[in-house]
Amino acid sequence: MIERAFRWILVIAALFLFGCSEEQPVATHVGLPDPESTGAKLVKDYCSHCHAPPSPASHVAKEWPNIMARMNDRRAMLALKVYTDDERIIMLDYLQKNSGQP
């Protein structure tokens, strides 16, 4: 019984530690506005390492800067490539323009 519980703990720990890595297949998501734009492509590339790319309308425009900063911090903690200032500006512009709310 203890051995079985220990195995489950190891499985859960492995999923937690390796659940978000560069080697994972990129999640696919349809429905982003202007999907061929540079902003949409960057959002897909960066966000899909850990979750489906968010709809820009899921947050109001003024929330996106903090969300992006938090996500970039998480990427750094997971040793994933963080986005550059230029990429941040492009993604933020894309997310805010397509948020549909001020």
PDB file of N, CA and C in Angstrom:
ATOM      1  N   MET A   1       0.819  -1.198   0.000  1.00  0.00           N
ATOM      2  CA  MET A   1       0.000   0.000   0.000  1.00  0.00           C
ATOM      3  C   MET A   1       0.866   1.266   0.000  1.00  0.00           C
ATOM      4  N   ILE A   2       1.885   1.291   0.848  1.00  0.00           N
ATOM      5  CA  ILE A   2       2.781   2.458   0.920  1.00  0.00           C
ATOM      6  C   ILE A   2       3.543   2.610  -0.392  1.00  0.00           C
ATOM      7  N   GLU A   3       3.971   1.476  -0.976  1.00  0.00           N
ATOM      8  CA  GLU A   3       4.690   1.539  -2.246  1.00  0.00           C
ATOM      9  C   GLU A   3       3.801   2.121  -3.346  1.00  0.00           C
ATOM     10  N   ARG A   4       2.555   1.743  -3.363  1.00  0.00           N
ATOM     11  CA  ARG A   4       1.618   2.257  -4.372  1.00  0.00           C
ATOM     12  C   ARG A   4       1.400   3.771  -4.191  1.00  0.00           C
ATOM     13  N   ALA A   5       1.245   4.198  -2.949  1.00  0.00           N
ATOM     14  CA  ALA A   5       1.078   5.626  -2.672  1.00  0.00           C
ATOM     15  C   ALA A   5       2.332   6.398  -3.080  1.00  0.00           C
ATOM     16  N   PHE A   6       3.488   5.823  -2.810  1.00  0.00           N
ATOM     17  CA  PHE A   6       4.744   6.470  -3.185  1.00  0.00           C
ATOM     18  C   PHE A   6       4.847   6.625  -4.701  1.00  0.00           C
ATOM     19  N   ARG A   7       4.416   5.596  -5.442  1.00  0.00           N
ATOM     20  CA  ARG A   7       4.431   5.681  -6.905  1.00  0.00           C
ATOM     21  C   ARG A   7       3.543   6.817  -7.400  1.00  0.00           C
ATOM     22  N   TRP A   8       2.370   6.961  -6.808  1.00  0.00           N
ATOM     23  CA  TRP A   8       1.463   8.046  -7.200  1.00  0.00           C
ATOM     24  C   TRP A   8       2.060   9.405  -6.895  1.00  0.00           C
ATOM     25  N   ILE A   9       2.728   9.509  -5.766  1.00  0.00           N
ATOM     26  CA  ILE A   9       3.388  10.767  -5.416  1.00  0.00           C
ATOM     27  C   ILE A   9       4.456  11.096  -6.446  1.00  0.00           C
ATOM     28  N   LEU A  10       5.221  10.106  -6.870  1.00  0.00           N
ATOM     29  CA  LEU A  10       6.248  10.324  -7.898  1.00  0.00           C
ATOM     30  C   LEU A  10       5.629  10.750  -9.226  1.00  0.00           C
ATOM     31  N   VAL A  11       4.531  10.119  -9.594  1.00  0.00           N
ATOM     32  CA  VAL A  11       3.857  10.476 -10.853  1.00  0.00           C
ATOM     33  C   VAL A  11       3.361  11.913 -10.797  1.00  0.00           C
ATOM     34  N   ILE A  12       2.736  12.280  -9.702  1.00  0.00           N
ATOM     35  CA  ILE A  12       2.213  13.648  -9.560  1.00  0.00           C
ATOM     36  C   ILE A  12       3.353  14.654  -9.554  1.00  0.00           C
ATOM     37  N   ALA A  13       4.446  14.326  -8.855  1.00  0.00           N
ATOM     38  CA  ALA A  13       5.605  15.225  -8.823  1.00  0.00           C
ATOM     39  C   ALA A  13       6.199  15.386 -10.218  1.00  0.00           C
ATOM     40  N   ALA A  14       6.291  14.295 -10.959  1.00  0.00           N
ATOM     41  CA  ALA A  14       6.836  14.371 -12.316  1.00  0.00           C
ATOM     42  C   ALA A  14       5.951  15.221 -13.215  1.00  0.00           C
ATOM     43  N   LEU A  15       4.645  15.064 -13.104  1.00  0.00           N
ATOM     44  CA  LEU A  15       3.733  15.878 -13.901  1.00  0.00           C
ATOM     45  C   LEU A  15       3.862  17.348 -13.544  1.00  0.00           C
ATOM     46  N   PHE A  16       4.008  17.630 -12.265  1.00  0.00           N
ATOM     47  CA  PHE A  16       4.169  19.015 -11.822  1.00  0.00           C
ATOM     48  C   PHE A  16       5.473  19.604 -12.343  1.00  0.00           C
ATOM     49  N   LEU A  17       6.559  18.862 -12.218  1.00  0.00           N
ATOM     50  CA  LEU A  17       7.869  19.382 -12.602  1.00  0.00           C
ATOM     51  C   LEU A  17       8.062  19.462 -14.109  1.00  0.00           C
ATOM     52  N   PHE A  18       7.519  18.494 -14.828  1.00  0.00           N
ATOM     53  CA  PHE A  18       7.769  18.435 -16.264  1.00  0.00           C
ATOM     54  C   PHE A  18       6.531  18.703 -17.103  1.00  0.00           C
ATOM     55  N   GLY A  19       5.483  19.149 -16.489  1.00  0.00           N
ATOM     56  CA  GLY A  19       4.223  19.382 -17.186  1.00  0.00           C
ATOM     57  C   GLY A  19       4.273  20.526 -18.173  1.00  0.00           C
ATOM     58  N   CYS A  20       5.228  21.402 -18.058  1.00  0.00           N
ATOM     59  CA  CYS A  20       5.328  22.544 -18.946  1.00  0.00           C
ATOM     60  C   CYS A  20       6.787  22.675 -19.357  1.00  0.00           C
ATOM     61  N   SER A  21       7.098  22.172 -20.525  1.00  0.00           N
ATOM     62  CA  SER A  21       8.482  22.234 -20.975  1.00  0.00           C
ATOM     63  C   SER A  21       8.527  22.470 -22.472  1.00  0.00           C
ATOM     64  N   GLU A  22       9.679  22.810 -22.966  1.00  0.00           N
ATOM     65  CA  GLU A  22       9.861  23.076 -24.387  1.00  0.00           C
ATOM     66  C   GLU A  22       9.542  21.844 -25.235  1.00  0.00           C
ATOM     67  N   GLU A  23       9.682  20.653 -24.669  1.00  0.00           N
ATOM     68  CA  GLU A  23       9.495  19.435 -25.447  1.00  0.00           C
ATOM     69  C   GLU A  23       8.038  19.078 -25.687  1.00  0.00           C
ATOM     70  N   GLN A  24       7.118  19.696 -24.970  1.00  0.00           N
ATOM     71  CA  GLN A  24       5.714  19.380 -25.137  1.00  0.00           C
ATOM     72  C   GLN A  24       5.227  19.807 -26.514  1.00  0.00           C
ATOM     73  N   PRO A  25       4.283  19.055 -27.070  1.00  0.00           N
ATOM     74  CA  PRO A  25       3.692  19.521 -28.325  1.00  0.00           C
ATOM     75  C   PRO A  25       2.942  20.818 -28.076  1.00  0.00           C
ATOM     76  N   VAL A  26       2.976  21.673 -29.053  1.00  0.00           N
ATOM     77  CA  VAL A  26       2.305  22.963 -28.930  1.00  0.00           C
ATOM     78  C   VAL A  26       0.807  22.757 -29.050  1.00  0.00           C
ATOM     79  N   ALA A  27       0.068  23.322 -28.103  1.00  0.00           N
ATOM     80  CA  ALA A  27      -1.383  23.234 -28.146  1.00  0.00           C
ATOM     81  C   ALA A  27      -1.905  24.031 -29.336  1.00  0.00           C
ATOM     82  N   THR A  28      -2.957  23.546 -29.911  1.00  0.00           N
ATOM     83  CA  THR A  28      -3.554  24.280 -31.022  1.00  0.00           C
ATOM     84  C   THR A  28      -4.799  24.994 -30.523  1.00  0.00           C
ATOM     85  N   HIS A  29      -5.080  26.115 -31.131  1.00  0.00           N
ATOM     86  CA  HIS A  29      -6.237  26.903 -30.730  1.00  0.00           C
ATOM     87  C   HIS A  29      -6.710  27.676 -31.946  1.00  0.00           C
ATOM     88  N   VAL A  30      -7.986  27.613 -32.190  1.00  0.00           N
ATOM     89  CA  VAL A  30      -8.552  28.374 -33.296  1.00  0.00           C
ATOM     90  C   VAL A  30      -9.393  29.493 -32.719  1.00  0.00           C
ATOM     91  N   GLY A  31      -9.592  30.503 -33.501  1.00  0.00           N
ATOM     92  CA  GLY A  31     -10.475  31.555 -33.090  1.00  0.00           C
ATOM     93  C   GLY A  31      -9.802  32.838 -32.656  1.00  0.00           C
ATOM     94  N   LEU A  32      -8.483  32.917 -32.703  1.00  0.00           N
ATOM     95  CA  LEU A  32      -7.833  34.185 -32.396  1.00  0.00           C
ATOM     96  C   LEU A  32      -8.126  35.166 -33.525  1.00  0.00           C
ATOM     97  N   PRO A  33      -8.425  36.412 -33.186  1.00  0.00           N
ATOM     98  CA  PRO A  33      -8.640  37.410 -34.232  1.00  0.00           C
ATOM     99  C   PRO A  33      -7.376  37.602 -35.057  1.00  0.00           C
ATOM    100  N   ASP A  34      -7.536  37.837 -36.337  1.00  0.00           N
ATOM    101  CA  ASP A  34      -6.413  38.100 -37.237  1.00  0.00           C
ATOM    102  C   ASP A  34      -5.282  37.089 -37.010  1.00  0.00           C
ATOM    103  N   PRO A  35      -5.570  35.788 -37.190  1.00  0.00           N
ATOM    104  CA  PRO A  35      -4.626  34.738 -36.817  1.00  0.00           C
ATOM    105  C   PRO A  35      -3.275  34.772 -37.541  1.00  0.00           C
ATOM    106  N   GLU A  36      -3.202  35.438 -38.667  1.00  0.00           N
ATOM    107  CA  GLU A  36      -1.929  35.501 -39.395  1.00  0.00           C
ATOM    108  C   GLU A  36      -1.084  36.712 -39.017  1.00  0.00           C
ATOM    109  N   SER A  37      -1.580  37.535 -38.112  1.00  0.00           N
ATOM    110  CA  SER A  37      -0.814  38.714 -37.692  1.00  0.00           C
ATOM    111  C   SER A  37       0.362  38.286 -36.819  1.00  0.00           C
ATOM    112  N   THR A  38       1.360  39.143 -36.752  1.00  0.00           N
ATOM    113  CA  THR A  38       2.535  38.855 -35.923  1.00  0.00           C
ATOM    114  C   THR A  38       2.128  38.698 -34.464  1.00  0.00           C
ATOM    115  N   GLY A  39       1.234  39.554 -33.992  1.00  0.00           N
ATOM    116  CA  GLY A  39       0.786  39.473 -32.602  1.00  0.00           C
ATOM    117  C   GLY A  39       0.133  38.143 -32.281  1.00  0.00           C
ATOM    118  N   ALA A  40      -0.761  37.680 -33.154  1.00  0.00           N
ATOM    119  CA  ALA A  40      -1.435  36.398 -32.926  1.00  0.00           C
ATOM    120  C   ALA A  40      -0.430  35.254 -32.960  1.00  0.00           C
ATOM    121  N   LYS A  41       0.508  35.309 -33.887  1.00  0.00           N
ATOM    122  CA  LYS A  41       1.514  34.246 -33.976  1.00  0.00           C
ATOM    123  C   LYS A  41       2.385  34.195 -32.725  1.00  0.00           C
ATOM    124  N   LEU A  42       2.761  35.353 -32.208  1.00  0.00           N
ATOM    125  CA  LEU A  42       3.565  35.388 -30.981  1.00  0.00           C
ATOM    126  C   LEU A  42       2.763  34.866 -29.786  1.00  0.00           C
ATOM    127  N   VAL A  43       1.500  35.269 -29.695  1.00  0.00           N
ATOM    128  CA  VAL A  43       0.647  34.782 -28.606  1.00  0.00           C
ATOM    129  C   VAL A  43       0.550  33.262 -28.680  1.00  0.00           C
ATOM    130  N   LYS A  44       0.315  32.724 -29.880  1.00  0.00           N
ATOM    131  CA  LYS A  44       0.240  31.264 -30.041  1.00  0.00           C
ATOM    132  C   LYS A  44       1.552  30.610 -29.634  1.00  0.00           C
ATOM    133  N   ASP A  45       2.668  31.150 -30.121  1.00  0.00           N
ATOM    134  CA  ASP A  45       3.976  30.545 -29.845  1.00  0.00           C
ATOM    135  C   ASP A  45       4.308  30.534 -28.358  1.00  0.00           C
ATOM    136  N   TYR A  46       4.108  31.646 -27.695  1.00  0.00           N
ATOM    137  CA  TYR A  46       4.499  31.737 -26.292  1.00  0.00           C
ATOM    138  C   TYR A  46       3.483  31.090 -25.343  1.00  0.00           C
ATOM    139  N   CYS A  47       2.222  31.345 -25.557  1.00  0.00           N
ATOM    140  CA  CYS A  47       1.212  30.888 -24.598  1.00  0.00           C
ATOM    141  C   CYS A  47       0.963  29.382 -24.671  1.00  0.00           C
ATOM    142  N   SER A  48       1.123  28.802 -25.842  1.00  0.00           N
ATOM    143  CA  SER A  48       0.751  27.397 -26.006  1.00  0.00           C
ATOM    144  C   SER A  48       1.754  26.410 -25.418  1.00  0.00           C
ATOM    145  N   HIS A  49       2.828  26.877 -24.831  1.00  0.00           N
ATOM    146  CA  HIS A  49       3.714  25.944 -24.145  1.00  0.00           C
ATOM    147  C   HIS A  49       3.054  25.376 -22.898  1.00  0.00           C
ATOM    148  N   CYS A  50       2.193  26.172 -22.268  1.00  0.00           N
ATOM    149  CA  CYS A  50       1.578  25.742 -21.004  1.00  0.00           C
ATOM    150  C   CYS A  50       0.057  25.646 -21.070  1.00  0.00           C
ATOM    151  N   HIS A  51      -0.573  26.359 -21.970  1.00  0.00           N
ATOM    152  CA  HIS A  51      -2.034  26.349 -22.062  1.00  0.00           C
ATOM    153  C   HIS A  51      -2.437  26.861 -23.435  1.00  0.00           C
ATOM    154  N   ALA A  52      -3.707  26.734 -23.737  1.00  0.00           N
ATOM    155  CA  ALA A  52      -4.208  27.249 -25.012  1.00  0.00           C
ATOM    156  C   ALA A  52      -4.064  28.764 -25.029  1.00  0.00           C
ATOM    157  N   PRO A  53      -3.744  29.321 -26.172  1.00  0.00           N
ATOM    158  CA  PRO A  53      -3.650  30.777 -26.252  1.00  0.00           C
ATOM    159  C   PRO A  53      -4.968  31.422 -25.819  1.00  0.00           C
ATOM    160  N   PRO A  54      -4.886  32.463 -25.019  1.00  0.00           N
ATOM    161  CA  PRO A  54      -6.107  33.089 -24.520  1.00  0.00           C
ATOM    162  C   PRO A  54      -6.792  33.944 -25.583  1.00  0.00           C
ATOM    163  N   SER A  55      -8.082  34.018 -25.468  1.00  0.00           N
ATOM    164  CA  SER A  55      -8.804  34.962 -26.310  1.00  0.00           C
ATOM    165  C   SER A  55      -8.477  36.363 -25.807  1.00  0.00           C
ATOM    166  N   PRO A  56      -8.145  37.292 -26.684  1.00  0.00           N
ATOM    167  CA  PRO A  56      -7.891  38.660 -26.225  1.00  0.00           C
ATOM    168  C   PRO A  56      -9.076  39.244 -25.460  1.00  0.00           C
ATOM    169  N   ALA A  57     -10.276  38.789 -25.789  1.00  0.00           N
ATOM    170  CA  ALA A  57     -11.484  39.305 -25.134  1.00  0.00           C
ATOM    171  C   ALA A  57     -11.691  38.723 -23.732  1.00  0.00           C
ATOM    172  N   SER A  58     -10.819  37.802 -23.304  1.00  0.00           N
ATOM    173  CA  SER A  58     -10.982  37.211 -21.975  1.00  0.00           C
ATOM    174  C   SER A  58     -10.595  38.184 -20.859  1.00  0.00           C
ATOM    175  N   HIS A  59      -9.946  39.290 -21.218  1.00  0.00           N
ATOM    176  CA  HIS A  59      -9.579  40.330 -20.254  1.00  0.00           C
ATOM    177  C   HIS A  59      -9.763  41.693 -20.907  1.00  0.00           C
ATOM    178  N   VAL A  60      -9.943  42.710 -20.077  1.00  0.00           N
ATOM    179  CA  VAL A  60     -10.022  44.066 -20.603  1.00  0.00           C
ATOM    180  C   VAL A  60      -8.603  44.542 -20.903  1.00  0.00           C
ATOM    181  N   ALA A  61      -8.493  45.547 -21.747  1.00  0.00           N
ATOM    182  CA  ALA A  61      -7.187  46.017 -22.232  1.00  0.00           C
ATOM    183  C   ALA A  61      -6.232  46.373 -21.101  1.00  0.00           C
ATOM    184  N   LYS A  62      -6.735  47.023 -20.058  1.00  0.00           N
ATOM    185  CA  LYS A  62      -5.836  47.477 -18.990  1.00  0.00           C
ATOM    186  C   LYS A  62      -5.289  46.329 -18.144  1.00  0.00           C
ATOM    187  N   GLU A  63      -5.892  45.137 -18.217  1.00  0.00           N
ATOM    188  CA  GLU A  63      -5.405  43.984 -17.458  1.00  0.00           C
ATOM    189  C   GLU A  63      -4.240  43.265 -18.132  1.00  0.00           C
ATOM    190  N   TRP A  64      -4.141  43.399 -19.458  1.00  0.00           N
ATOM    191  CA  TRP A  64      -3.147  42.615 -20.189  1.00  0.00           C
ATOM    192  C   TRP A  64      -1.692  42.887 -19.793  1.00  0.00           C
ATOM    193  N   PRO A  65      -1.276  44.107 -19.490  1.00  0.00           N
ATOM    194  CA  PRO A  65       0.129  44.294 -19.107  1.00  0.00           C
ATOM    195  C   PRO A  65       0.541  43.466 -17.888  1.00  0.00           C
ATOM    196  N   ASN A  66      -0.300  43.430 -16.859  1.00  0.00           N
ATOM    197  CA  ASN A  66       0.029  42.649 -15.664  1.00  0.00           C
ATOM    198  C   ASN A  66      -0.005  41.150 -15.934  1.00  0.00           C
ATOM    199  N   ILE A  67      -0.969  40.716 -16.726  1.00  0.00           N
ATOM    200  CA  ILE A  67      -1.062  39.295 -17.059  1.00  0.00           C
ATOM    201  C   ILE A  67       0.174  38.868 -17.836  1.00  0.00           C
ATOM    202  N   MET A  68       0.571  39.670 -18.801  1.00  0.00           N
ATOM    203  CA  MET A  68       1.753  39.326 -19.597  1.00  0.00           C
ATOM    204  C   MET A  68       3.014  39.293 -18.735  1.00  0.00           C
ATOM    205  N   ALA A  69       3.151  40.232 -17.820  1.00  0.00           N
ATOM    206  CA  ALA A  69       4.318  40.245 -16.930  1.00  0.00           C
ATOM    207  C   ALA A  69       4.339  38.985 -16.064  1.00  0.00           C
ATOM    208  N   ARG A  70       3.172  38.624 -15.536  1.00  0.00           N
ATOM    209  CA  ARG A  70       3.084  37.420 -14.693  1.00  0.00           C
ATOM    210  C   ARG A  70       3.427  36.166 -15.490  1.00  0.00           C
ATOM    211  N   MET A  71       2.929  36.075 -16.720  1.00  0.00           N
ATOM    212  CA  MET A  71       3.223  34.901 -17.548  1.00  0.00           C
ATOM    213  C   MET A  71       4.704  34.838 -17.926  1.00  0.00           C
ATOM    214  N   ASN A  72       5.302  35.976 -18.203  1.00  0.00           N
ATOM    215  CA  ASN A  72       6.724  35.979 -18.544  1.00  0.00           C
ATOM    216  C   ASN A  72       7.565  35.571 -17.332  1.00  0.00           C
ATOM    217  N   ASP A  73       7.160  35.995 -16.133  1.00  0.00           N
ATOM    218  CA  ASP A  73       7.847  35.566 -14.909  1.00  0.00           C
ATOM    219  C   ASP A  73       7.745  34.055 -14.739  1.00  0.00           C
ATOM    220  N   ARG A  74       6.567  33.504 -15.009  1.00  0.00           N
ATOM    221  CA  ARG A  74       6.397  32.041 -14.911  1.00  0.00           C
ATOM    222  C   ARG A  74       7.266  31.325 -15.927  1.00  0.00           C
ATOM    223  N   ARG A  75       7.347  31.870 -17.124  1.00  0.00           N
ATOM    224  CA  ARG A  75       8.208  31.263 -18.142  1.00  0.00           C
ATOM    225  C   ARG A  75       9.654  31.249 -17.657  1.00  0.00           C
ATOM    226  N   ALA A  76      10.097  32.331 -17.061  1.00  0.00           N
ATOM    227  CA  ALA A  76      11.468  32.403 -16.557  1.00  0.00           C
ATOM    228  C   ALA A  76      11.680  31.367 -15.448  1.00  0.00           C
ATOM    229  N   MET A  77      10.704  31.230 -14.553  1.00  0.00           N
ATOM    230  CA  MET A  77      10.829  30.250 -13.465  1.00  0.00           C
ATOM    231  C   MET A  77      10.905  28.823 -13.999  1.00  0.00           C
ATOM    232  N   LEU A  78      10.263  28.572 -15.126  1.00  0.00           N
ATOM    233  CA  LEU A  78      10.269  27.239 -15.737  1.00  0.00           C
ATOM    234  C   LEU A  78      11.410  27.055 -16.724  1.00  0.00           C
ATOM    235  N   ALA A  79      12.292  28.034 -16.789  1.00  0.00           N
ATOM    236  CA  ALA A  79      13.441  28.010 -17.693  1.00  0.00           C
ATOM    237  C   ALA A  79      13.016  27.942 -19.164  1.00  0.00           C
ATOM    238  N   LEU A  80      11.869  28.544 -19.481  1.00  0.00           N
ATOM    239  CA  LEU A  80      11.424  28.659 -20.866  1.00  0.00           C
ATOM    240  C   LEU A  80      11.892  30.007 -21.401  1.00  0.00           C
ATOM    241  N   LYS A  81      11.971  30.102 -22.709  1.00  0.00           N
ATOM    242  CA  LYS A  81      12.375  31.363 -23.335  1.00  0.00           C
ATOM    243  C   LYS A  81      11.365  32.453 -22.980  1.00  0.00           C
ATOM    244  N   VAL A  82      11.875  33.567 -22.488  1.00  0.00           N
ATOM    245  CA  VAL A  82      11.000  34.705 -22.197  1.00  0.00           C
ATOM    246  C   VAL A  82      10.950  35.607 -23.420  1.00  0.00           C
ATOM    247  N   TYR A  83       9.873  36.395 -23.517  1.00  0.00           N
ATOM    248  CA  TYR A  83       9.773  37.243 -24.694  1.00  0.00           C
ATOM    249  C   TYR A  83      10.570  38.529 -24.512  1.00  0.00           C
ATOM    250  N   THR A  84      11.003  39.038 -25.640  1.00  0.00           N
ATOM    251  CA  THR A  84      11.794  40.261 -25.653  1.00  0.00           C
ATOM    252  C   THR A  84      10.875  41.464 -25.476  1.00  0.00           C
ATOM    253  N   ASP A  85      11.458  42.637 -25.262  1.00  0.00           N
ATOM    254  CA  ASP A  85      10.648  43.853 -25.148  1.00  0.00           C
ATOM    255  C   ASP A  85       9.873  44.114 -26.433  1.00  0.00           C
ATOM    256  N   ASP A  86      10.514  43.907 -27.570  1.00  0.00           N
ATOM    257  CA  ASP A  86       9.820  44.114 -28.852  1.00  0.00           C
ATOM    258  C   ASP A  86       8.643  43.153 -29.001  1.00  0.00           C
ATOM    259  N   GLU A  87       8.855  41.886 -28.644  1.00  0.00           N
ATOM    260  CA  GLU A  87       7.768  40.911 -28.725  1.00  0.00           C
ATOM    261  C   GLU A  87       6.655  41.253 -27.742  1.00  0.00           C
ATOM    262  N   ARG A  88       7.024  41.701 -26.554  1.00  0.00           N
ATOM    263  CA  ARG A  88       6.030  42.097 -25.545  1.00  0.00           C
ATOM    264  C   ARG A  88       5.153  43.219 -26.084  1.00  0.00           C
ATOM    265  N   ILE A  89       5.769  44.209 -26.715  1.00  0.00           N
ATOM    266  CA  ILE A  89       5.019  45.342 -27.264  1.00  0.00           C
ATOM    267  C   ILE A  89       4.049  44.873 -28.345  1.00  0.00           C
ATOM    268  N   ILE A  90       4.505  43.998 -29.220  1.00  0.00           N
ATOM    269  CA  ILE A  90       3.650  43.493 -30.307  1.00  0.00           C
ATOM    270  C   ILE A  90       2.482  42.691 -29.740  1.00  0.00           C
ATOM    271  N   MET A  91       2.778  41.781 -28.796  1.00  0.00           N
ATOM    272  CA  MET A  91       1.707  40.962 -28.209  1.00  0.00           C
ATOM    273  C   MET A  91       0.726  41.815 -27.415  1.00  0.00           C
ATOM    274  N   LEU A  92       1.252  42.744 -26.627  1.00  0.00           N
ATOM    275  CA  LEU A  92       0.379  43.599 -25.824  1.00  0.00           C
ATOM    276  C   LEU A  92      -0.531  44.429 -26.727  1.00  0.00           C
ATOM    277  N   ASP A  93       0.030  44.992 -27.782  1.00  0.00           N
ATOM    278  CA  ASP A  93      -0.776  45.766 -28.728  1.00  0.00           C
ATOM    279  C   ASP A  93      -1.879  44.894 -29.325  1.00  0.00           C
ATOM    280  N   TYR A  94      -1.521  43.695 -29.728  1.00  0.00           N
ATOM    281  CA  TYR A  94      -2.493  42.768 -30.306  1.00  0.00           C
ATOM    282  C   TYR A  94      -3.598  42.435 -29.304  1.00  0.00           C
ATOM    283  N   LEU A  95      -3.203  42.061 -28.088  1.00  0.00           N
ATOM    284  CA  LEU A  95      -4.188  41.668 -27.070  1.00  0.00           C
ATOM    285  C   LEU A  95      -5.097  42.833 -26.687  1.00  0.00           C
ATOM    286  N   GLN A  96      -4.517  44.004 -26.527  1.00  0.00           N
ATOM    287  CA  GLN A  96      -5.337  45.151 -26.140  1.00  0.00           C
ATOM    288  C   GLN A  96      -6.274  45.593 -27.264  1.00  0.00           C
ATOM    289  N   LYS A  97      -5.785  45.625 -28.497  1.00  0.00           N
ATOM    290  CA  LYS A  97      -6.642  46.034 -29.620  1.00  0.00           C
ATOM    291  C   LYS A  97      -7.803  45.073 -29.830  1.00  0.00           C
ATOM    292  N   ASN A  98      -7.587  43.815 -29.521  1.00  0.00           N
ATOM    293  CA  ASN A  98      -8.613  42.815 -29.750  1.00  0.00           C
ATOM    294  C   ASN A  98      -9.392  42.448 -28.480  1.00  0.00           C
ATOM    295  N   SER A  99      -9.126  43.147 -27.396  1.00  0.00           N
ATOM    296  CA  SER A  99      -9.834  42.851 -26.152  1.00  0.00           C
ATOM    297  C   SER A  99     -11.294  43.271 -26.256  1.00  0.00           C
ATOM    298  N   GLY A 100     -11.564  44.277 -27.067  1.00  0.00           N
ATOM    299  CA  GLY A 100     -12.930  44.747 -27.241  1.00  0.00           C
ATOM    300  C   GLY A 100     -13.413  45.620 -26.099  1.00  0.00           C
ATOM    301  N   GLN A 101     -12.538  45.860 -25.126  1.00  0.00           N
ATOM    302  CA  GLN A 101     -12.911  46.682 -23.975  1.00  0.00           C
ATOM    303  C   GLN A 101     -11.727  47.570 -23.611  1.00  0.00           C
ATOM    304  N   PRO A 102     -12.017  48.747 -23.080  1.00  0.00           N
ATOM    305  CA  PRO A 102     -10.904  49.664 -22.719  1.00  0.00           C
ATOM    306  C   PRO A 102     -10.079  49.161 -21.548  1.00  0.00           C
TER     307      PRO A 102
END
